[in-house]
Amino acid sequence: MAWDFTKDRPIYTQIAEQIKNQIFVGKRNLGDRLPPVRDLAMEAGVNPNTMQRALAQLEQEEIIYAERTNGRFITEDKTMLDKQKKETARLQMNDFLEKMAAIGYDRKATLQLLTTFTKDGE
């Protein structure tokens, strides 16, 4: 899997988001065991401490959980993941709407643009 990082936010938050998104779209399955921290860090090209911090954030959000000596696992709570997915979508849409407002489009105009673009395939 290709990891993509930007310089505008901490790497560990981007890692946590990317792992969450992998779970949301089914690239990582509910109940699956995650690879060890060092393996994930090597795959992502980051320091193991950075990966550890990202996984700790996901544990705090209850997206993953640790079993002492057995590793980390993705939650099996689909209802909670669905709520997390909707919250992630809401935050991204708010960010998008703020950016559109900054260039002069209110919500109604933004929706009209989206409708036009999806109809026209632009």
Foldseek 3Di string as FASTA:
>chain_A
DAQDDDPPDQPLCSVLVVVLVCDVVVVADAFDFDDDLVVVCVVHVHDSVSSVSSVVVCVVLVQWHADVPPHIGGHNPVVSSVVVVVVVVVVVVVVVQVVVVVVPDHPVRVVVVVVVCVVVVD
